[in-house]
Protein backbone atom coordinates (compact mmCIF):
# COMPACT_ATOMS: atom_id res chain seq x y z
CA MET A 1 0.12 -7.55 15.11
CA LEU A 2 1.61 -8.03 11.69
CA SER A 3 5.27 -8.75 11.00
CA VAL A 4 7.24 -6.52 8.64
CA ASP A 5 6.78 -9.07 5.84
CA GLU A 6 3.04 -9.30 6.49
CA ARG A 7 2.71 -5.50 6.45
CA ASN A 8 4.56 -5.34 3.16
CA LEU A 9 2.39 -8.10 1.67
CA LEU A 10 -0.74 -6.23 2.78
CA LEU A 11 0.52 -3.04 1.17
CA VAL A 12 1.56 -4.69 -2.11
CA GLY A 13 -1.64 -6.73 -2.36
CA TYR A 14 -3.75 -3.70 -1.69
CA LYS A 15 -1.83 -1.58 -4.20
CA ASN A 16 -2.43 -4.29 -6.80
CA VAL A 17 -6.18 -4.18 -6.10
CA ILE A 18 -6.46 -0.41 -6.47
CA GLY A 19 -3.70 0.22 -9.00
CA ALA A 20 -5.59 -0.83 -12.12
CA ARG A 21 -8.72 1.03 -11.03
CA ARG A 22 -6.78 4.21 -10.27
CA ALA A 23 -5.08 3.98 -13.67
CA SER A 24 -8.45 3.46 -15.37
CA TRP A 25 -9.90 6.43 -13.53
CA LEU A 26 -7.03 8.68 -14.66
CA ILE A 27 -7.27 7.51 -18.27
CA MET A 28 -11.04 7.99 -18.30
CA SER A 29 -10.64 11.52 -16.93
CA SER A 30 -8.34 12.37 -19.82
CA ILE A 31 -10.58 10.76 -22.44
CA GLU A 32 -13.65 12.46 -20.97
CA GLN A 33 -11.99 15.88 -21.34
CA GLN A 34 -10.98 15.10 -24.92
CA GLU A 35 -14.50 13.97 -25.83
CA GLU A 36 -16.01 17.08 -24.22
CA CYS A 37 -13.71 19.27 -26.30
CA LYS A 38 -14.80 17.44 -29.45
CA GLY A 39 -18.47 17.85 -28.52
CA HIS A 40 -19.16 14.10 -28.47
CA ASP A 41 -21.97 14.24 -25.91
CA ILE A 42 -22.99 10.58 -26.21
CA ASN A 43 -19.43 9.42 -25.57
CA VAL A 44 -19.10 11.81 -22.63
CA LYS A 45 -22.29 10.41 -21.09
CA LEU A 46 -21.05 6.82 -21.42
CA ILE A 47 -17.64 7.69 -20.03
CA LYS A 48 -19.17 9.51 -17.05
CA GLU A 49 -21.34 6.48 -16.25
CA TYR A 50 -18.35 4.14 -16.29
CA HIS A 51 -16.24 6.72 -14.46
CA LEU A 52 -18.82 6.74 -11.66
CA LYS A 53 -18.77 2.94 -11.51
CA VAL A 54 -14.98 2.92 -11.06
CA GLU A 55 -15.22 5.69 -8.43
CA ASN A 56 -17.77 3.63 -6.50
CA GLU A 57 -15.51 0.55 -6.65
CA LEU A 58 -12.54 2.60 -5.45
CA SER A 59 -14.59 4.17 -2.66
CA LYS A 60 -15.63 0.76 -1.38
CA ILE A 61 -12.10 -0.63 -1.51
CA PHE A 62 -10.67 2.46 0.23
CA HIS A 63 -13.40 2.30 2.86
CA ASP A 64 -12.69 -1.38 3.53
CA ILE A 65 -8.94 -0.95 4.01
CA LEU A 66 -9.38 2.21 6.08
CA VAL A 67 -11.72 0.34 8.44
CA VAL A 68 -9.14 -2.43 8.83
CA ILE A 69 -6.37 0.10 9.46
CA ASP A 70 -8.38 2.19 11.94
CA LYS A 71 -10.06 -0.63 13.88
CA HIS A 72 -7.44 -3.36 13.84
CA LEU A 73 -3.98 -2.23 12.80
CA ILE A 74 -3.44 1.23 14.31
CA PRO A 75 -4.86 0.36 17.76
CA SER A 76 -2.46 -2.56 18.24
CA PRO A 77 0.86 -1.73 16.56
CA ALA A 78 3.88 -3.86 17.39
CA SER A 79 6.30 -0.93 17.25
CA ALA A 80 6.77 2.72 16.31
CA LYS A 81 7.68 1.54 12.81
CA ALA A 82 4.34 -0.29 12.56
CA THR A 83 2.52 2.84 13.75
CA VAL A 84 4.30 4.91 11.11
CA PHE A 85 3.61 2.30 8.44
CA PHE A 86 -0.14 2.18 9.10
CA HIS A 87 -0.61 5.93 9.50
CA LYS A 88 1.33 6.51 6.28
CA MET A 89 -0.80 3.89 4.52
CA LYS A 90 -3.95 5.55 5.86
CA GLY A 91 -2.72 8.98 4.75
CA ASP A 92 -1.87 7.73 1.28
CA ASN A 93 -5.25 6.05 0.83
CA CYS A 94 -7.18 9.08 2.06
CA ARG A 95 -5.13 11.22 -0.34
CA TYR A 96 -6.05 8.91 -3.24
CA LEU A 97 -9.70 9.09 -2.20
CA ALA A 98 -9.57 12.90 -2.09
CA LYS A 99 -8.48 13.00 -5.74
CA PHE A 100 -11.93 12.07 -7.00
CA LYS A 101 -14.25 13.10 -4.20
CA VAL A 102 -15.92 16.51 -4.14
CA ASP A 103 -17.07 19.02 -1.54
CA GLN A 104 -17.35 17.67 2.03
CA GLU A 105 -16.15 14.18 1.11
CA LYS A 106 -13.02 15.65 -0.45
CA LYS A 107 -12.42 17.87 2.58
CA GLY A 108 -12.94 14.94 4.95
CA ALA A 109 -10.53 12.68 3.05
CA THR A 110 -7.97 15.49 2.84
CA ASP A 111 -8.24 16.21 6.57
CA PHE A 112 -7.84 12.53 7.49
CA SER A 113 -4.84 12.28 5.20
CA LEU A 114 -3.18 15.35 6.68
CA LYS A 115 -3.80 14.13 10.23
CA SER A 116 -2.25 10.76 9.42
CA TYR A 117 0.78 12.40 7.84
CA GLU A 118 1.15 14.67 10.88
CA VAL A 119 1.29 11.59 13.14
CA VAL A 120 3.90 10.02 10.85
CA SER A 121 5.88 13.25 10.76
CA ALA A 122 5.86 13.62 14.54
CA ILE A 123 7.15 10.07 15.02
CA ALA A 124 9.59 10.25 12.11
CA GLU A 125 11.19 13.43 13.39
CA ALA A 126 12.22 11.66 16.61
CA ASP A 127 15.92 10.92 16.96
CA GLU A 128 15.71 7.25 15.99
CA TRP A 129 14.29 8.25 12.59
CA ARG A 130 16.85 10.93 11.80
CA HIS A 131 18.54 8.85 9.08
CA SER A 132 15.35 7.40 7.65
CA THR A 133 13.77 8.33 4.33
CA ILE A 134 10.35 8.51 6.00
CA PRO A 135 10.45 12.25 6.86
CA PHE A 136 11.31 13.03 3.24
CA CYS A 137 8.50 10.80 1.90
CA VAL A 138 5.97 12.34 4.26
CA LYS A 139 6.95 15.88 3.27
CA GLN A 140 6.52 14.89 -0.37
CA ARG A 141 3.01 13.72 0.41
CA PHE A 142 2.18 16.94 2.23
CA GLY A 143 3.34 18.68 -0.94
CA ALA A 144 0.49 16.96 -2.76
CA PHE A 145 -1.88 19.19 -0.81
CA ASP A 146 0.21 22.35 -0.98
CA PRO A 147 1.88 23.09 -4.34
CA GLY A 148 4.60 25.02 -2.52
CA GLY A 149 5.39 21.92 -0.51
CA ASP A 150 5.34 23.85 2.75
CA TRP A 151 2.72 21.83 4.58
CA LYS A 152 3.36 23.46 7.95
CA ALA A 153 2.65 26.89 6.52
CA SER A 154 -0.47 25.63 4.79
CA ARG A 155 -1.73 24.14 8.06
CA GLY A 156 -1.03 27.35 10.00
CA ALA A 157 1.77 25.76 12.07
């Protein structure tokens, strides 16, 4: 069981590990598109190779933290707030993973993210969370999957 401070340190440390790689991935995506438009095939090939390397690094890091969350942190939460924290963290990380995965891997990451956000939403909508910002944050994240922002409608609920 982690204290609130320990949970926050885990989150910040982890964000620092993935932040630079996510930023690199986004920048490379933009540069790759520009180079494709210019017809610079050699540059595109080099960018794609490095892009794949960064994706593999991100995949490993996401996998590692998701294993820790699923096997150690979610099964033994200290409180409802800890449960919400870890499910939200899991949902966010699966959502990040879905941004660069394709086909079944993308669908799997998206489904895991949505399930985690649904758990957070169910807990956050309880009376003790009425004045919290968590329901708003979770609905914003559901909006990442549904441009209309109506995640319940998109899930058939």
